[in-house]
N, C-alpha and C. Protein backbone atom coordinates (compact mmCIF):
# COMPACT_ATOMS: atom_id res chain seq x y z
N HIS A 1 -107.65 -20.52 -27.16
CA HIS A 1 -108.50 -21.64 -27.44
C HIS A 1 -108.60 -21.92 -28.95
N PHE A 2 -108.06 -21.01 -29.74
CA PHE A 2 -108.10 -21.21 -31.19
C PHE A 2 -107.37 -22.48 -31.59
N HIS A 3 -106.18 -22.68 -31.05
CA HIS A 3 -105.39 -23.85 -31.44
C HIS A 3 -106.09 -25.14 -31.02
N LEU A 4 -106.70 -25.13 -29.86
CA LEU A 4 -107.44 -26.31 -29.39
C LEU A 4 -108.63 -26.59 -30.31
N ALA A 5 -109.38 -25.55 -30.65
CA ALA A 5 -110.54 -25.72 -31.54
C ALA A 5 -110.09 -26.24 -32.91
N ARG A 6 -109.01 -25.69 -33.41
CA ARG A 6 -108.49 -26.10 -34.72
C ARG A 6 -108.03 -27.56 -34.69
N TYR A 7 -107.33 -27.93 -33.62
CA TYR A 7 -106.84 -29.30 -33.48
C TYR A 7 -108.01 -30.29 -33.43
N TRP A 8 -108.99 -30.00 -32.57
CA TRP A 8 -110.11 -30.92 -32.42
C TRP A 8 -110.92 -31.02 -33.71
N ALA A 9 -111.14 -29.89 -34.38
CA ALA A 9 -111.88 -29.92 -35.64
C ALA A 9 -111.14 -30.79 -36.67
N GLU A 10 -109.84 -30.63 -36.73
CA GLU A 10 -109.04 -31.43 -37.67
C GLU A 10 -109.12 -32.92 -37.34
N GLU A 11 -108.96 -33.24 -36.07
CA GLU A 11 -108.98 -34.65 -35.67
C GLU A 11 -110.35 -35.28 -35.88
N LEU A 12 -111.41 -34.55 -35.55
CA LEU A 12 -112.76 -35.10 -35.73
C LEU A 12 -113.11 -35.22 -37.21
N SER A 13 -112.49 -34.42 -38.05
CA SER A 13 -112.75 -34.54 -39.49
C SER A 13 -112.12 -35.81 -40.06
N LYS A 14 -111.20 -36.39 -39.34
CA LYS A 14 -110.50 -37.60 -39.82
C LYS A 14 -111.25 -38.89 -39.48
N GLN A 15 -112.21 -38.82 -38.56
CA GLN A 15 -112.92 -40.03 -38.15
C GLN A 15 -113.88 -40.46 -39.26
N ASP A 16 -114.19 -41.76 -39.31
CA ASP A 16 -115.06 -42.28 -40.36
C ASP A 16 -116.30 -42.99 -39.82
N GLU A 17 -116.53 -42.91 -38.52
CA GLU A 17 -117.66 -43.61 -37.92
C GLU A 17 -118.98 -42.88 -38.13
N ASP A 18 -118.94 -41.57 -38.20
CA ASP A 18 -120.16 -40.76 -38.32
C ASP A 18 -119.99 -39.78 -39.48
N LYS A 19 -120.73 -40.02 -40.55
CA LYS A 19 -120.59 -39.22 -41.77
C LYS A 19 -120.95 -37.75 -41.53
N GLU A 20 -122.04 -37.49 -40.82
CA GLU A 20 -122.47 -36.11 -40.55
C GLU A 20 -121.42 -35.37 -39.73
N LEU A 21 -120.89 -36.04 -38.73
CA LEU A 21 -119.86 -35.45 -37.88
C LEU A 21 -118.62 -35.13 -38.71
N LYS A 22 -118.26 -36.06 -39.58
CA LYS A 22 -117.10 -35.86 -40.45
C LYS A 22 -117.30 -34.64 -41.35
N GLU A 23 -118.46 -34.52 -41.98
CA GLU A 23 -118.75 -33.39 -42.86
C GLU A 23 -118.70 -32.06 -42.10
N PHE A 24 -119.33 -32.04 -40.93
CA PHE A 24 -119.37 -30.83 -40.11
C PHE A 24 -117.97 -30.37 -39.75
N PHE A 25 -117.16 -31.29 -39.23
CA PHE A 25 -115.83 -30.91 -38.76
C PHE A 25 -114.83 -30.73 -39.90
N THR A 26 -115.07 -31.35 -41.04
CA THR A 26 -114.22 -31.10 -42.21
C THR A 26 -114.38 -29.65 -42.65
N LYS A 27 -115.63 -29.19 -42.70
CA LYS A 27 -115.90 -27.80 -43.08
C LYS A 27 -115.32 -26.84 -42.05
N LEU A 28 -115.55 -27.11 -40.77
CA LEU A 28 -115.04 -26.25 -39.71
C LEU A 28 -113.52 -26.21 -39.72
N SER A 29 -112.90 -27.35 -39.86
CA SER A 29 -111.44 -27.43 -39.90
C SER A 29 -110.88 -26.61 -41.07
N ALA A 30 -111.51 -26.72 -42.22
CA ALA A 30 -111.06 -25.97 -43.40
C ALA A 30 -111.19 -24.46 -43.17
N GLN A 31 -112.28 -24.03 -42.57
CA GLN A 31 -112.48 -22.60 -42.31
C GLN A 31 -111.43 -22.08 -41.32
N LEU A 32 -111.17 -22.85 -40.28
CA LEU A 32 -110.18 -22.41 -39.29
C LEU A 32 -108.79 -22.36 -39.90
N GLU A 33 -108.45 -23.35 -40.70
CA GLU A 33 -107.13 -23.37 -41.34
C GLU A 33 -106.99 -22.22 -42.34
N GLU A 34 -108.03 -21.99 -43.12
CA GLU A 34 -108.01 -20.93 -44.13
C GLU A 34 -107.86 -19.54 -43.51
N ASN A 35 -108.42 -19.36 -42.32
CA ASN A 35 -108.41 -18.04 -41.67
C ASN A 35 -107.42 -17.95 -40.51
N LYS A 36 -106.55 -18.94 -40.39
CA LYS A 36 -105.62 -19.03 -39.26
C LYS A 36 -104.82 -17.74 -39.05
N ASP A 37 -104.18 -17.24 -40.07
CA ASP A 37 -103.33 -16.06 -39.93
C ASP A 37 -104.13 -14.83 -39.51
N LYS A 38 -105.29 -14.65 -40.10
CA LYS A 38 -106.14 -13.51 -39.77
C LYS A 38 -106.62 -13.59 -38.32
N ILE A 39 -107.04 -14.78 -37.89
CA ILE A 39 -107.52 -14.97 -36.52
C ILE A 39 -106.41 -14.69 -35.52
N LEU A 40 -105.23 -15.24 -35.77
CA LEU A 40 -104.12 -15.03 -34.85
C LEU A 40 -103.70 -13.56 -34.80
N GLU A 41 -103.76 -12.88 -35.93
CA GLU A 41 -103.45 -11.44 -35.96
C GLU A 41 -104.46 -10.66 -35.12
N GLU A 42 -105.74 -10.98 -35.28
CA GLU A 42 -106.78 -10.30 -34.50
C GLU A 42 -106.61 -10.54 -33.01
N MET A 43 -106.13 -11.71 -32.64
CA MET A 43 -105.93 -12.01 -31.22
C MET A 43 -104.66 -11.37 -30.68
N THR A 44 -103.65 -11.27 -31.51
CA THR A 44 -102.36 -10.74 -31.08
C THR A 44 -102.37 -9.22 -30.95
N VAL A 45 -103.06 -8.54 -31.83
CA VAL A 45 -103.03 -7.08 -31.87
C VAL A 45 -103.58 -6.45 -30.58
N VAL A 46 -104.42 -7.13 -29.86
CA VAL A 46 -105.01 -6.56 -28.64
C VAL A 46 -104.19 -6.85 -27.39
N GLN A 47 -103.22 -7.71 -27.49
CA GLN A 47 -102.43 -8.09 -26.32
C GLN A 47 -101.47 -6.98 -25.92
N GLY A 48 -101.25 -6.85 -24.61
CA GLY A 48 -100.28 -5.89 -24.09
C GLY A 48 -100.82 -4.49 -23.92
N HIS A 49 -102.13 -4.31 -24.09
CA HIS A 49 -102.73 -2.99 -23.94
C HIS A 49 -103.79 -3.05 -22.84
N PRO A 50 -103.94 -1.97 -22.08
CA PRO A 50 -105.01 -1.95 -21.07
C PRO A 50 -106.37 -2.08 -21.76
N ALA A 51 -107.30 -2.70 -21.06
CA ALA A 51 -108.64 -2.87 -21.62
C ALA A 51 -109.68 -2.38 -20.62
N ASP A 52 -110.61 -1.59 -21.10
CA ASP A 52 -111.69 -1.10 -20.26
C ASP A 52 -112.84 -2.10 -20.31
N ILE A 53 -113.07 -2.77 -19.20
CA ILE A 53 -114.18 -3.72 -19.14
C ILE A 53 -115.33 -3.19 -18.29
N GLY A 54 -115.30 -1.90 -18.00
CA GLY A 54 -116.43 -1.27 -17.33
C GLY A 54 -116.53 -1.53 -15.85
N GLY A 55 -115.44 -1.87 -15.23
CA GLY A 55 -115.47 -2.09 -13.78
C GLY A 55 -114.76 -3.36 -13.39
N TYR A 56 -114.49 -3.48 -12.11
CA TYR A 56 -113.76 -4.64 -11.61
C TYR A 56 -114.72 -5.74 -11.17
N TYR A 57 -115.74 -5.37 -10.41
CA TYR A 57 -116.73 -6.34 -9.95
C TYR A 57 -117.96 -6.24 -10.83
N HIS A 58 -118.42 -7.34 -11.33
CA HIS A 58 -119.62 -7.42 -12.16
C HIS A 58 -119.58 -6.49 -13.38
N PRO A 59 -118.54 -6.60 -14.19
CA PRO A 59 -118.49 -5.76 -15.40
C PRO A 59 -119.56 -6.21 -16.40
N PRO A 60 -119.96 -5.32 -17.28
CA PRO A 60 -120.95 -5.68 -18.30
C PRO A 60 -120.42 -6.81 -19.21
N MET A 61 -121.25 -7.79 -19.44
CA MET A 61 -120.85 -8.96 -20.23
C MET A 61 -120.37 -8.58 -21.62
N GLU A 62 -120.99 -7.57 -22.24
CA GLU A 62 -120.61 -7.17 -23.60
C GLU A 62 -119.15 -6.72 -23.65
N LYS A 63 -118.75 -5.92 -22.65
CA LYS A 63 -117.37 -5.42 -22.64
C LYS A 63 -116.38 -6.55 -22.38
N VAL A 64 -116.74 -7.46 -21.49
CA VAL A 64 -115.87 -8.59 -21.18
C VAL A 64 -115.70 -9.47 -22.42
N CYS A 65 -116.79 -9.72 -23.13
CA CYS A 65 -116.72 -10.55 -24.34
C CYS A 65 -115.85 -9.91 -25.41
N GLU A 66 -115.94 -8.59 -25.56
CA GLU A 66 -115.11 -7.90 -26.54
C GLU A 66 -113.63 -8.11 -26.26
N VAL A 67 -113.26 -8.07 -24.99
CA VAL A 67 -111.86 -8.22 -24.60
C VAL A 67 -111.42 -9.68 -24.64
N MET A 68 -112.27 -10.57 -24.17
CA MET A 68 -111.90 -11.98 -24.07
C MET A 68 -112.05 -12.74 -25.38
N GLN A 69 -112.80 -12.20 -26.32
CA GLN A 69 -113.01 -12.84 -27.62
C GLN A 69 -112.72 -11.82 -28.72
N PRO A 70 -111.46 -11.45 -28.89
CA PRO A 70 -111.12 -10.33 -29.76
C PRO A 70 -111.16 -10.61 -31.27
N SER A 71 -111.26 -11.85 -31.67
CA SER A 71 -111.23 -12.16 -33.10
C SER A 71 -112.64 -12.27 -33.67
N ALA A 72 -113.03 -11.27 -34.44
CA ALA A 72 -114.35 -11.29 -35.08
C ALA A 72 -114.45 -12.47 -36.06
N THR A 73 -113.35 -12.79 -36.71
CA THR A 73 -113.33 -13.89 -37.68
C THR A 73 -113.59 -15.23 -36.98
N PHE A 74 -112.88 -15.49 -35.90
CA PHE A 74 -113.04 -16.72 -35.13
C PHE A 74 -114.46 -16.80 -34.57
N ASN A 75 -114.94 -15.70 -34.00
CA ASN A 75 -116.29 -15.67 -33.44
C ASN A 75 -117.33 -15.98 -34.51
N LYS A 76 -117.15 -15.43 -35.70
CA LYS A 76 -118.10 -15.65 -36.80
C LYS A 76 -118.11 -17.11 -37.23
N ILE A 77 -116.94 -17.70 -37.37
CA ILE A 77 -116.84 -19.10 -37.77
C ILE A 77 -117.51 -20.00 -36.74
N LEU A 78 -117.25 -19.75 -35.46
CA LEU A 78 -117.87 -20.56 -34.40
C LEU A 78 -119.38 -20.36 -34.35
N ALA A 79 -119.84 -19.13 -34.52
CA ALA A 79 -121.28 -18.85 -34.51
C ALA A 79 -121.98 -19.56 -35.68
N GLU A 80 -121.37 -19.51 -36.85
CA GLU A 80 -121.95 -20.18 -38.02
C GLU A 80 -121.99 -21.69 -37.81
N ALA A 81 -120.95 -22.23 -37.21
CA ALA A 81 -120.91 -23.67 -36.92
C ALA A 81 -122.01 -24.03 -35.92
N ARG A 82 -122.13 -23.22 -34.87
CA ARG A 82 -123.15 -23.46 -33.85
C ARG A 82 -124.55 -23.39 -34.47
N ASP A 83 -124.78 -22.37 -35.27
CA ASP A 83 -126.11 -22.17 -35.86
C ASP A 83 -126.46 -23.26 -36.87
N SER A 84 -125.47 -23.87 -37.47
CA SER A 84 -125.75 -24.91 -38.47
C SER A 84 -126.24 -26.21 -37.85
N VAL A 85 -126.09 -26.38 -36.55
CA VAL A 85 -126.54 -27.61 -35.90
C VAL A 85 -127.85 -27.43 -35.14
N LYS A 86 -128.41 -26.25 -35.17
CA LYS A 86 -129.68 -26.01 -34.47
C LYS A 86 -130.84 -26.55 -35.25
């Protein structure tokens, strides 16, 4: 989902109808582009290895999130973006 998020942030930063939206997505797009290599490395390094998610049925959400969202950098950027609009 990183590439999709990066693409949409870039495209929304190009629009000129909403100044606040443009500023928000310009910043987000720049952060994603600046950290692209690090994010992709964090996502790639965990692939191809077994993952313990604490069970097959109803695994703990924390363990599932660790496996399904392996990039701390990407997670931080998205959390900061989310928190900035609250």
